Amino acid sequence: MDVKQLAAFQGFSPEKLQKHAVFQSGRFFLDVYCLTPGQAQKPHRHATSDKVYLVLEGRCRFRIGDEEATHGPGSTLFAPAGTEHGVVNDGPDNARLLVLMTPPPEHA
């Protein structure tokens, strides 16, 4: 049984958002994104991959399609394939997001 503790994925960098792989296969990936205040993932899209964000800690402003809103711990957001999406930590605290994508973009 492959078990990981999400609390262990805490690596932050002042230079840029950090992505920590939790699990990955040819069909999906599950990462923890760590963002310090001011860090962002620029809006982008994946033609054939769906993405789910789950806020573990902190608050981030998400943009999915034409909608933009700030969400905190426990919030889960869905970015369907082909929809522009991005995230920015514009709060005062570090943020951690659990991010699932299927299929991974290199397999899309």
Protein backbone atom coordinates (compact mmCIF):
# COMPACT_ATOMS: atom_id res chain seq x y z
CA MET A 1 0.00 0.00 0.00
CA ASP A 2 1.43 3.35 -1.03
CA VAL A 3 0.50 5.93 1.63
CA LYS A 4 1.59 9.56 1.73
CA GLN A 5 0.91 12.19 4.39
CA LEU A 6 -0.15 15.49 2.78
CA ALA A 7 1.23 17.42 5.76
CA ALA A 8 4.72 16.34 4.64
CA PHE A 9 4.45 18.34 1.40
CA GLN A 10 5.42 21.78 2.71
CA GLY A 11 8.26 22.98 0.44
CA PHE A 12 8.01 26.69 -0.34
CA SER A 13 10.43 28.85 -2.34
CA PRO A 14 10.61 32.65 -2.47
CA GLU A 15 11.42 32.45 -6.21
CA LYS A 16 8.33 30.64 -7.53
CA LEU A 17 5.41 28.34 -6.83
CA GLN A 18 6.58 24.84 -5.90
CA LYS A 19 4.90 21.68 -7.21
CA HIS A 20 5.41 18.48 -5.23
CA ALA A 21 4.37 15.17 -6.81
CA VAL A 22 2.28 12.98 -4.51
CA PHE A 23 1.25 10.29 -7.02
CA GLN A 24 1.54 10.01 -10.80
CA SER A 25 0.73 7.50 -13.49
CA GLY A 26 0.12 7.69 -17.21
CA ARG A 27 -3.54 8.48 -16.44
CA PHE A 28 -3.34 11.22 -13.77
CA PHE A 29 -1.17 13.21 -11.43
CA LEU A 30 -1.77 14.43 -7.89
CA ASP A 31 0.45 17.27 -6.68
CA VAL A 32 0.65 19.67 -3.77
CA TYR A 33 1.27 23.24 -4.94
CA CYS A 34 2.91 25.54 -2.38
CA LEU A 35 2.50 29.28 -2.95
CA THR A 36 3.92 32.10 -0.87
CA PRO A 37 2.03 35.41 -0.89
CA GLY A 38 2.18 36.97 -4.35
CA GLN A 39 2.99 33.76 -6.22
CA ALA A 40 0.75 32.62 -9.06
CA GLN A 41 0.17 30.10 -11.79
CA LYS A 42 -0.59 32.20 -14.86
CA PRO A 43 -3.89 31.53 -16.62
CA HIS A 44 -3.48 28.71 -19.13
CA ARG A 45 -5.51 25.85 -20.57
CA HIS A 46 -5.15 22.15 -21.30
CA ALA A 47 -7.01 21.01 -24.41
CA THR A 48 -7.84 17.50 -23.19
CA SER A 49 -7.06 17.46 -19.45
CA ASP A 50 -9.36 18.20 -16.53
CA LYS A 51 -7.91 19.80 -13.38
CA VAL A 52 -9.24 19.89 -9.81
CA TYR A 53 -7.90 22.23 -7.11
CA LEU A 54 -8.55 21.56 -3.41
CA VAL A 55 -7.42 24.22 -0.94
CA LEU A 56 -5.57 22.64 1.98
CA GLU A 57 -4.31 25.84 3.66
CA GLY A 58 -4.44 29.56 3.05
CA ARG A 59 -6.63 31.46 0.61
CA CYS A 60 -6.12 31.89 -3.12
CA ARG A 61 -7.88 33.71 -5.92
CA PHE A 62 -8.86 31.32 -8.68
CA ARG A 63 -9.81 32.12 -12.23
CA ILE A 64 -11.70 29.45 -14.15
CA GLY A 65 -13.14 30.55 -17.46
CA ASP A 66 -14.74 33.97 -17.01
CA GLU A 67 -15.22 33.53 -13.26
CA GLU A 68 -12.83 34.69 -10.54
CA ALA A 69 -13.19 34.24 -6.77
CA THR A 70 -11.16 33.72 -3.60
CA HIS A 71 -11.48 30.42 -1.74
CA GLY A 72 -10.05 28.94 1.44
CA PRO A 73 -9.51 25.55 3.10
CA GLY A 74 -11.88 22.80 2.05
CA SER A 75 -12.92 24.49 -1.20
CA THR A 76 -12.68 22.34 -4.33
CA LEU A 77 -12.69 23.85 -7.82
CA PHE A 78 -13.03 22.15 -11.22
CA ALA A 79 -11.37 23.39 -14.42
CA PRO A 80 -12.70 21.29 -17.32
CA ALA A 81 -10.52 20.53 -20.33
CA GLY A 82 -10.20 23.49 -22.68
CA THR A 83 -11.12 26.06 -20.01
CA GLU A 84 -8.59 28.74 -19.11
CA HIS A 85 -7.63 28.57 -15.43
CA GLY A 86 -5.09 30.02 -13.02
CA VAL A 87 -4.48 30.77 -9.36
CA VAL A 88 -2.79 33.49 -7.32
CA ASN A 89 -2.04 33.69 -3.62
CA ASP A 90 -2.87 37.33 -2.97
CA GLY A 91 -3.37 36.79 0.76
CA PRO A 92 -0.98 37.40 3.63
CA ASP A 93 -0.27 33.70 4.36
CA ASN A 94 1.30 30.76 2.55
CA ALA A 95 -1.15 28.52 0.68
CA ARG A 96 -1.13 24.82 -0.15
CA LEU A 97 -3.33 23.27 -2.83
CA LEU A 98 -3.95 19.64 -3.69
CA VAL A 99 -4.09 19.47 -7.50
CA LEU A 100 -5.39 16.53 -9.55
CA MET A 101 -5.10 16.43 -13.33
CA THR A 102 -6.26 13.74 -15.72
CA PRO A 103 -4.76 12.86 -18.06
CA PRO A 104 -1.40 14.51 -17.38
CA PRO A 105 -0.73 17.15 -20.05
CA GLU A 106 2.20 15.24 -21.56
CA HIS A 107 -0.23 12.42 -22.34
CA ALA A 108 -3.02 14.68 -23.58
